[in-house]
Amino acid sequence: MLAPDSLSIRESMRLFVVYNKLINFERVGSFCVKQKFLGLTLAAVLITGCASVDPYTGEQKTSNTAKGAGIGAVSGAILGAIINHDDRGKGALIGAAGGAAVGGGVGYYMDRQEAVLRQRLEGTGVRVQRVGDEIKLIMPGNITFDTGRSELQTRFYSTLDSVALVISEYDKTRVDVAGHTDSTGGAALNQSLSEQRAASVANYLSSQGVASGRLYTTGYGPRYPIADNATASGRALNRRVEVNLRMM
């Protein structure tokens, strides 16, 4: 028996509660229609709860394809019921099918892209982090730039080449490049440096074939640390560029 993902179940159950309130408000009297919806919602919850083994960590986790399909099915059922006043059961079933296809499609697309990125970037020092249907590539400053500089280190070119190949292939994602610094030095200098470093990474990706219309850059300076700036190791982690990938 595969373990359920508790967060996904909570998300689906919240939608289930919303649906029940909608049904009670509209006073749909048919017990059979309610039973259809209940079965559909519970099925979506079970789909959402199915877990698989992550080949990179060995841990059980719910695939984002299943999460998207489950939540999409419930959302589609609710919308279908609202739209089709004459036959809410039929509307919900149609909506659920469409919602599952859309939600599952996004999750599957990002699952595939994540798997290829993890394979290509293994051992490079770049961390691949998955947050819902977004993928974050965290590039530490010590492997990308010299201290106080915004020019890419030449040894990092091959890593960015791999990133560019993957995101060029998966061309339905938006690419947000964000620069971050530690808290040492002046605020204006750090802000400018973070912007320049984000631009350097984006420009390199563009030079390697990533469409410029997909690339967006932002510099945050020291505003979003991920570690303690009071220690040298923490400051090293905070000096980074993050590439965030999400569906356009």
C-alpha atoms as a PDB file:
ATOM      1  CA  MET A   1       0.000   0.000   0.000  1.00  0.00           C
ATOM      2  CA  LEU A   2       1.480   3.319  -1.004  1.00  0.00           C
ATOM      3  CA  ALA A   3       1.702   6.059   1.596  1.00  0.00           C
ATOM      4  CA  PRO A   4      -0.505   9.141   1.229  1.00  0.00           C
ATOM      5  CA  ASP A   5       0.844  12.645   0.962  1.00  0.00           C
ATOM      6  CA  SER A   6      -0.911  14.532   3.782  1.00  0.00           C
ATOM      7  CA  LEU A   7      -0.567  17.993   2.280  1.00  0.00           C
ATOM      8  CA  SER A   8      -2.127  16.901  -1.000  1.00  0.00           C
ATOM      9  CA  ILE A   9      -5.036  15.256   0.801  1.00  0.00           C
ATOM     10  CA  ARG A  10      -5.644  18.408   2.819  1.00  0.00           C
ATOM     11  CA  GLU A  11      -5.730  20.449  -0.385  1.00  0.00           C
ATOM     12  CA  SER A  12      -8.233  18.102  -1.977  1.00  0.00           C
ATOM     13  CA  MET A  13     -10.387  17.936   1.136  1.00  0.00           C
ATOM     14  CA  ARG A  14     -10.582  21.725   1.270  1.00  0.00           C
ATOM     15  CA  LEU A  15     -12.002  21.670  -2.243  1.00  0.00           C
ATOM     16  CA  PHE A  16     -14.397  18.931  -1.172  1.00  0.00           C
ATOM     17  CA  VAL A  17     -15.709  21.146   1.655  1.00  0.00           C
ATOM     18  CA  VAL A  18     -16.195  24.026  -0.775  1.00  0.00           C
ATOM     19  CA  TYR A  19     -18.125  21.747  -3.078  1.00  0.00           C
ATOM     20  CA  ASN A  20     -20.384  20.484  -0.283  1.00  0.00           C
ATOM     21  CA  LYS A  21     -21.191  24.055   0.698  1.00  0.00           C
ATOM     22  CA  LEU A  22     -22.048  24.810  -2.912  1.00  0.00           C
ATOM     23  CA  ILE A  23     -24.373  21.822  -3.144  1.00  0.00           C
ATOM     24  CA  ASN A  24     -26.144  22.700   0.097  1.00  0.00           C
ATOM     25  CA  PHE A  25     -26.530  26.311  -0.963  1.00  0.00           C
ATOM     26  CA  GLU A  26     -27.979  25.376  -4.329  1.00  0.00           C
ATOM     27  CA  ARG A  27     -30.220  22.762  -2.674  1.00  0.00           C
ATOM     28  CA  VAL A  28     -29.693  20.078  -5.222  1.00  0.00           C
ATOM     29  CA  GLY A  29     -32.134  17.470  -4.015  1.00  0.00           C
ATOM     30  CA  SER A  30     -30.971  14.381  -5.844  1.00  0.00           C
ATOM     31  CA  PHE A  31     -29.252  11.914  -3.537  1.00  0.00           C
ATOM     32  CA  CYS A  32     -27.778  10.112  -6.560  1.00  0.00           C
ATOM     33  CA  VAL A  33     -26.137  13.297  -7.840  1.00  0.00           C
ATOM     34  CA  LYS A  34     -24.592  13.889  -4.428  1.00  0.00           C
ATOM     35  CA  GLN A  35     -23.322  10.326  -4.379  1.00  0.00           C
ATOM     36  CA  LYS A  36     -21.731  10.831  -7.795  1.00  0.00           C
ATOM     37  CA  PHE A  37     -19.912  13.909  -6.569  1.00  0.00           C
ATOM     38  CA  LEU A  38     -18.817  12.230  -3.367  1.00  0.00           C
ATOM     39  CA  GLY A  39     -17.392   9.262  -5.235  1.00  0.00           C
ATOM     40  CA  LEU A  40     -15.650  11.530  -7.703  1.00  0.00           C
ATOM     41  CA  THR A  41     -14.126  13.680  -4.986  1.00  0.00           C
ATOM     42  CA  LEU A  42     -12.931  10.723  -2.943  1.00  0.00           C
ATOM     43  CA  ALA A  43     -11.403   9.169  -6.052  1.00  0.00           C
ATOM     44  CA  ALA A  44      -9.513  12.387  -6.710  1.00  0.00           C
ATOM     45  CA  VAL A  45      -8.264  12.427  -3.131  1.00  0.00           C
ATOM     46  CA  LEU A  46      -7.009   8.849  -3.454  1.00  0.00           C
ATOM     47  CA  ILE A  47      -5.261   9.641  -6.719  1.00  0.00           C
ATOM     48  CA  THR A  48      -3.643  12.661  -5.095  1.00  0.00           C
ATOM     49  CA  GLY A  49      -2.508  10.555  -2.174  1.00  0.00           C
ATOM     50  CA  CYS A  50      -0.656   7.912  -4.156  1.00  0.00           C
ATOM     51  CA  ALA A  51       3.073   7.993  -3.605  1.00  0.00           C
ATOM     52  CA  SER A  52       6.049   6.767  -5.570  1.00  0.00           C
ATOM     53  CA  VAL A  53       9.721   6.381  -4.717  1.00  0.00           C
ATOM     54  CA  ASP A  54      11.965   9.308  -5.634  1.00  0.00           C
ATOM     55  CA  PRO A  55      14.898   7.759  -7.528  1.00  0.00           C
ATOM     56  CA  TYR A  56      17.242  10.517  -6.301  1.00  0.00           C
ATOM     57  CA  THR A  57      16.452  10.479  -2.569  1.00  0.00           C
ATOM     58  CA  GLY A  58      14.933   7.032  -2.051  1.00  0.00           C
ATOM     59  CA  GLU A  59      11.991   8.650  -0.270  1.00  0.00           C
ATOM     60  CA  GLN A  60       8.338   8.117  -1.010  1.00  0.00           C
ATOM     61  CA  LYS A  61       6.638  11.151  -2.472  1.00  0.00           C
ATOM     62  CA  THR A  62       3.538  12.005  -4.394  1.00  0.00           C
ATOM     63  CA  SER A  63       4.253  12.753  -8.041  1.00  0.00           C
ATOM     64  CA  ASN A  64       3.240  16.208  -9.148  1.00  0.00           C
ATOM     65  CA  THR A  65       1.365  14.573 -12.007  1.00  0.00           C
ATOM     66  CA  ALA A  66      -0.906  12.829  -9.491  1.00  0.00           C
ATOM     67  CA  LYS A  67      -1.260  15.960  -7.368  1.00  0.00           C
ATOM     68  CA  GLY A  68      -2.189  18.066 -10.373  1.00  0.00           C
ATOM     69  CA  ALA A  69      -4.605  15.478 -11.695  1.00  0.00           C
ATOM     70  CA  GLY A  70      -6.323  15.014  -8.340  1.00  0.00           C
ATOM     71  CA  ILE A  71      -6.720  18.694  -7.543  1.00  0.00           C
ATOM     72  CA  GLY A  72      -7.598  19.466 -11.165  1.00  0.00           C
ATOM     73  CA  ALA A  73     -10.334  16.821 -11.094  1.00  0.00           C
ATOM     74  CA  VAL A  74     -11.940  18.246  -7.968  1.00  0.00           C
ATOM     75  CA  SER A  75     -11.657  21.840  -9.223  1.00  0.00           C
ATOM     76  CA  GLY A  76     -13.090  20.828 -12.605  1.00  0.00           C
ATOM     77  CA  ALA A  77     -15.973  19.004 -10.917  1.00  0.00           C
ATOM     78  CA  ILE A  78     -16.898  22.098  -8.935  1.00  0.00           C
ATOM     79  CA  LEU A  79     -16.711  24.354 -11.992  1.00  0.00           C
ATOM     80  CA  GLY A  80     -18.638  21.861 -14.122  1.00  0.00           C
ATOM     81  CA  ALA A  81     -21.395  21.686 -11.517  1.00  0.00           C
ATOM     82  CA  ILE A  82     -21.695  25.472 -11.438  1.00  0.00           C
ATOM     83  CA  ILE A  83     -21.852  25.833 -15.217  1.00  0.00           C
ATOM     84  CA  ASN A  84     -24.231  22.972 -16.003  1.00  0.00           C
ATOM     85  CA  HIS A  85     -27.400  23.809 -14.063  1.00  0.00           C
ATOM     86  CA  ASP A  86     -29.539  21.285 -15.962  1.00  0.00           C
ATOM     87  CA  ASP A  87     -27.427  18.253 -15.137  1.00  0.00           C
ATOM     88  CA  ARG A  88     -24.914  18.925 -12.389  1.00  0.00           C
ATOM     89  CA  GLY A  89     -23.754  15.317 -12.283  1.00  0.00           C
ATOM     90  CA  LYS A  90     -22.834  15.343 -15.968  1.00  0.00           C
ATOM     91  CA  GLY A  91     -21.262  18.785 -15.677  1.00  0.00           C
ATOM     92  CA  ALA A  92     -19.112  17.650 -12.782  1.00  0.00           C
ATOM     93  CA  LEU A  93     -17.919  14.534 -14.597  1.00  0.00           C
ATOM     94  CA  ILE A  94     -16.980  16.506 -17.707  1.00  0.00           C
ATOM     95  CA  GLY A  95     -15.299  19.187 -15.613  1.00  0.00           C
ATOM     96  CA  ALA A  96     -13.401  16.608 -13.588  1.00  0.00           C
ATOM     97  CA  ALA A  97     -12.049  14.901 -16.699  1.00  0.00           C
ATOM     98  CA  GLY A  98     -10.894  18.199 -18.184  1.00  0.00           C
ATOM     99  CA  GLY A  99      -9.426  19.415 -14.913  1.00  0.00           C
ATOM    100  CA  ALA A 100      -7.516  16.190 -14.357  1.00  0.00           C
ATOM    101  CA  ALA A 101      -6.061  16.328 -17.864  1.00  0.00           C
ATOM    102  CA  VAL A 102      -4.883  19.914 -17.485  1.00  0.00           C
ATOM    103  CA  GLY A 103      -3.601  19.527 -13.919  1.00  0.00           C
ATOM    104  CA  GLY A 104      -1.898  16.229 -14.619  1.00  0.00           C
ATOM    105  CA  GLY A 105      -0.372  17.538 -17.848  1.00  0.00           C
ATOM    106  CA  VAL A 106       1.388  20.419 -16.103  1.00  0.00           C
ATOM    107  CA  GLY A 107       2.662  18.145 -13.350  1.00  0.00           C
ATOM    108  CA  TYR A 108       3.903  15.553 -15.829  1.00  0.00           C
ATOM    109  CA  TYR A 109       5.691  18.166 -17.942  1.00  0.00           C
ATOM    110  CA  MET A 110       7.496  19.583 -14.906  1.00  0.00           C
ATOM    111  CA  ASP A 111       8.248  16.087 -13.526  1.00  0.00           C
ATOM    112  CA  ARG A 112      10.046  15.216 -16.751  1.00  0.00           C
ATOM    113  CA  GLN A 113      11.977  18.473 -16.819  1.00  0.00           C
ATOM    114  CA  GLU A 114      12.994  18.042 -13.174  1.00  0.00           C
ATOM    115  CA  ALA A 115      14.263  14.507 -13.789  1.00  0.00           C
ATOM    116  CA  VAL A 116      16.449  15.597 -16.722  1.00  0.00           C
ATOM    117  CA  LEU A 117      17.819  18.591 -14.805  1.00  0.00           C
ATOM    118  CA  ARG A 118      18.724  16.426 -11.810  1.00  0.00           C
ATOM    119  CA  GLN A 119      20.532  13.999 -14.094  1.00  0.00           C
ATOM    120  CA  ARG A 120      22.440  16.691 -15.986  1.00  0.00           C
ATOM    121  CA  LEU A 121      23.361  18.759 -12.899  1.00  0.00           C
ATOM    122  CA  GLU A 122      24.403  15.943 -10.570  1.00  0.00           C
ATOM    123  CA  GLY A 123      27.795  16.746  -9.031  1.00  0.00           C
ATOM    124  CA  THR A 124      27.920  20.321 -10.368  1.00  0.00           C
ATOM    125  CA  GLY A 125      27.102  22.057  -7.091  1.00  0.00           C
ATOM    126  CA  VAL A 126      23.775  23.330  -8.415  1.00  0.00           C
ATOM    127  CA  ARG A 127      20.822  22.306  -6.250  1.00  0.00           C
ATOM    128  CA  VAL A 128      17.533  21.340  -7.893  1.00  0.00           C
ATOM    129  CA  GLN A 129      14.545  22.131  -5.698  1.00  0.00           C
ATOM    130  CA  ARG A 130      10.922  21.336  -6.509  1.00  0.00           C
ATOM    131  CA  VAL A 131       8.149  23.496  -5.075  1.00  0.00           C
ATOM    132  CA  GLY A 132       4.734  22.449  -6.396  1.00  0.00           C
ATOM    133  CA  ASP A 133       4.780  22.912 -10.158  1.00  0.00           C
ATOM    134  CA  GLU A 134       7.882  25.109 -10.070  1.00  0.00           C
ATOM    135  CA  ILE A 135      11.527  24.078 -10.312  1.00  0.00           C
ATOM    136  CA  LYS A 136      14.253  26.114  -8.663  1.00  0.00           C
ATOM    137  CA  LEU A 137      17.931  25.840  -9.602  1.00  0.00           C
ATOM    138  CA  ILE A 138      20.108  27.261  -6.830  1.00  0.00           C
ATOM    139  CA  MET A 139      23.587  28.259  -8.021  1.00  0.00           C
ATOM    140  CA  PRO A 140      26.008  29.118  -5.176  1.00  0.00           C
ATOM    141  CA  GLY A 141      28.126  32.222  -5.683  1.00  0.00           C
ATOM    142  CA  ASN A 142      31.402  30.378  -5.089  1.00  0.00           C
ATOM    143  CA  ILE A 143      30.967  28.333  -8.282  1.00  0.00           C
ATOM    144  CA  THR A 144      29.462  31.055 -10.452  1.00  0.00           C
ATOM    145  CA  PHE A 145      31.274  34.350  -9.725  1.00  0.00           C
ATOM    146  CA  ASP A 146      34.461  35.666  -8.176  1.00  0.00           C
ATOM    147  CA  THR A 147      34.037  37.797  -5.049  1.00  0.00           C
ATOM    148  CA  GLY A 148      32.501  41.176  -5.849  1.00  0.00           C
ATOM    149  CA  ARG A 149      32.327  40.410  -9.582  1.00  0.00           C
ATOM    150  CA  SER A 150      29.430  39.857 -11.965  1.00  0.00           C
ATOM    151  CA  GLU A 151      31.337  38.055 -14.738  1.00  0.00           C
ATOM    152  CA  LEU A 152      30.659  34.328 -14.866  1.00  0.00           C
ATOM    153  CA  GLN A 153      33.541  32.050 -13.991  1.00  0.00           C
ATOM    154  CA  THR A 154      34.593  30.195 -17.129  1.00  0.00           C
ATOM    155  CA  ARG A 155      34.521  26.856 -15.275  1.00  0.00           C
ATOM    156  CA  PHE A 156      30.762  27.337 -14.811  1.00  0.00           C
ATOM    157  CA  TYR A 157      30.049  27.590 -18.543  1.00  0.00           C
ATOM    158  CA  SER A 158      29.625  23.838 -19.021  1.00  0.00           C
ATOM    159  CA  THR A 159      27.062  23.693 -16.211  1.00  0.00           C
ATOM    160  CA  LEU A 160      25.040  26.527 -17.717  1.00  0.00           C
ATOM    161  CA  ASP A 161      25.339  24.830 -21.107  1.00  0.00           C
ATOM    162  CA  SER A 162      23.535  21.820 -19.634  1.00  0.00           C
ATOM    163  CA  VAL A 163      20.861  24.058 -18.106  1.00  0.00           C
ATOM    164  CA  ALA A 164      20.370  25.848 -21.413  1.00  0.00           C
ATOM    165  CA  LEU A 165      19.963  22.584 -23.334  1.00  0.00           C
ATOM    166  CA  VAL A 166      17.251  21.326 -20.996  1.00  0.00           C
ATOM    167  CA  ILE A 167      15.226  24.524 -20.745  1.00  0.00           C
ATOM    168  CA  SER A 168      15.497  25.030 -24.502  1.00  0.00           C
ATOM    169  CA  GLU A 169      13.962  21.588 -24.970  1.00  0.00           C
ATOM    170  CA  TYR A 170      11.225  22.272 -22.404  1.00  0.00           C
ATOM    171  CA  ASP A 171      10.224  25.540 -23.972  1.00  0.00           C
ATOM    172  CA  LYS A 172       6.830  25.966 -22.313  1.00  0.00           C
ATOM    173  CA  THR A 173       8.389  27.281 -19.108  1.00  0.00           C
ATOM    174  CA  ARG A 174       9.107  30.838 -18.069  1.00  0.00           C
ATOM    175  CA  VAL A 175      12.654  31.388 -16.772  1.00  0.00           C
ATOM    176  CA  ASP A 176      13.033  33.825 -13.872  1.00  0.00           C
ATOM    177  CA  VAL A 177      16.644  34.546 -12.926  1.00  0.00           C
ATOM    178  CA  ALA A 178      17.142  36.107  -9.498  1.00  0.00           C
ATOM    179  CA  GLY A 179      20.391  37.419  -8.019  1.00  0.00           C
ATOM    180  CA  HIS A 180      21.048  37.426  -4.247  1.00  0.00           C
ATOM    181  CA  THR A 181      23.923  38.685  -2.085  1.00  0.00           C
ATOM    182  CA  ASP A 182      24.959  38.475   1.551  1.00  0.00           C
ATOM    183  CA  SER A 183      24.630  41.446   3.890  1.00  0.00           C
ATOM    184  CA  THR A 184      28.239  42.640   3.809  1.00  0.00           C
ATOM    185  CA  GLY A 185      28.922  45.894   1.994  1.00  0.00           C
ATOM    186  CA  GLY A 186      26.590  48.739   1.136  1.00  0.00           C
ATOM    187  CA  ALA A 187      22.949  48.181   0.225  1.00  0.00           C
ATOM    188  CA  ALA A 188      23.216  49.998  -3.109  1.00  0.00           C
ATOM    189  CA  LEU A 189      26.314  48.018  -4.102  1.00  0.00           C
ATOM    190  CA  ASN A 190      24.685  44.698  -3.206  1.00  0.00           C
ATOM    191  CA  GLN A 191      21.524  45.561  -5.085  1.00  0.00           C
ATOM    192  CA  SER A 192      23.474  46.479  -8.219  1.00  0.00           C
ATOM    193  CA  LEU A 193      25.666  43.377  -7.937  1.00  0.00           C
ATOM    194  CA  SER A 194      22.651  41.077  -7.599  1.00  0.00           C
ATOM    195  CA  GLU A 195      21.047  42.612 -10.678  1.00  0.00           C
ATOM    196  CA  GLN A 196      24.241  42.324 -12.717  1.00  0.00           C
ATOM    197  CA  ARG A 197      24.763  38.696 -11.743  1.00  0.00           C
ATOM    198  CA  ALA A 198      21.204  37.766 -12.667  1.00  0.00           C
ATOM    199  CA  ALA A 199      21.686  39.516 -16.002  1.00  0.00           C
ATOM    200  CA  SER A 200      24.966  37.651 -16.610  1.00  0.00           C
ATOM    201  CA  VAL A 201      23.296  34.270 -16.155  1.00  0.00           C
ATOM    202  CA  ALA A 202      20.297  35.248 -18.296  1.00  0.00           C
ATOM    203  CA  ASN A 203      22.518  36.631 -21.059  1.00  0.00           C
ATOM    204  CA  TYR A 204      24.564  33.446 -21.128  1.00  0.00           C
ATOM    205  CA  LEU A 205      21.456  31.284 -21.352  1.00  0.00           C
ATOM    206  CA  SER A 206      20.203  33.474 -24.182  1.00  0.00           C
ATOM    207  CA  SER A 207      23.531  33.114 -25.996  1.00  0.00           C
ATOM    208  CA  GLN A 208      23.097  29.340 -25.782  1.00  0.00           C
ATOM    209  CA  GLY A 209      19.721  29.331 -27.492  1.00  0.00           C
ATOM    210  CA  VAL A 210      17.150  30.061 -24.767  1.00  0.00           C
ATOM    211  CA  ALA A 211      14.587  32.466 -26.234  1.00  0.00           C
ATOM    212  CA  SER A 212      15.061  35.929 -24.716  1.00  0.00           C
ATOM    213  CA  GLY A 213      11.283  36.344 -24.436  1.00  0.00           C
ATOM    214  CA  ARG A 214      11.234  33.595 -21.795  1.00  0.00           C
ATOM    215  CA  LEU A 215      13.932  35.202 -19.631  1.00  0.00           C
ATOM    216  CA  TYR A 216      13.220  37.636 -16.798  1.00  0.00           C
ATOM    217  CA  THR A 217      15.812  38.990 -14.363  1.00  0.00           C
ATOM    218  CA  THR A 218      15.567  40.449 -10.867  1.00  0.00           C
ATOM    219  CA  GLY A 219      18.113  41.492  -8.281  1.00  0.00           C
ATOM    220  CA  TYR A 220      17.158  41.211  -4.610  1.00  0.00           C
ATOM    221  CA  GLY A 221      20.409  42.208  -2.934  1.00  0.00           C
ATOM    222  CA  PRO A 222      20.542  40.771   0.623  1.00  0.00           C
ATOM    223  CA  ARG A 223      16.784  40.870   1.239  1.00  0.00           C
ATOM    224  CA  TYR A 224      16.075  37.120   1.052  1.00  0.00           C
ATOM    225  CA  PRO A 225      18.810  35.176   2.885  1.00  0.00           C
ATOM    226  CA  ILE A 226      18.563  31.400   3.123  1.00  0.00           C
ATOM    227  CA  ALA A 227      21.189  31.147   5.867  1.00  0.00           C
ATOM    228  CA  ASP A 228      22.658  33.172   8.740  1.00  0.00           C
ATOM    229  CA  ASN A 229      24.722  36.147   7.535  1.00  0.00           C
ATOM    230  CA  ALA A 230      26.575  36.127  10.877  1.00  0.00           C
ATOM    231  CA  THR A 231      28.724  33.179   9.742  1.00  0.00           C
ATOM    232  CA  ALA A 232      31.058  32.795   6.793  1.00  0.00           C
ATOM    233  CA  SER A 233      29.323  29.603   5.661  1.00  0.00           C
ATOM    234  CA  GLY A 234      25.929  31.310   5.869  1.00  0.00           C
ATOM    235  CA  ARG A 235      27.092  34.273   3.821  1.00  0.00           C
ATOM    236  CA  ALA A 236      28.462  31.879   1.206  1.00  0.00           C
ATOM    237  CA  LEU A 237      25.042  30.249   0.863  1.00  0.00           C
ATOM    238  CA  ASN A 238      23.309  33.610   0.576  1.00  0.00           C
ATOM    239  CA  ARG A 239      25.521  34.685  -2.328  1.00  0.00           C
ATOM    240  CA  ARG A 240      23.686  32.876  -5.097  1.00  0.00           C
ATOM    241  CA  VAL A 241      21.694  33.044  -8.323  1.00  0.00           C
ATOM    242  CA  GLU A 242      18.406  31.190  -8.541  1.00  0.00           C
ATOM    243  CA  VAL A 243      16.784  30.118 -11.799  1.00  0.00           C
ATOM    244  CA  ASN A 244      13.070  29.538 -11.304  1.00  0.00           C
ATOM    245  CA  LEU A 245      11.137  27.584 -13.922  1.00  0.00           C
ATOM    246  CA  ARG A 246       7.351  27.604 -14.154  1.00  0.00           C
ATOM    247  CA  MET A 247       4.738  27.119 -16.830  1.00  0.00           C
ATOM    248  CA  MET A 248       4.041  30.170 -18.965  1.00  0.00           C
END
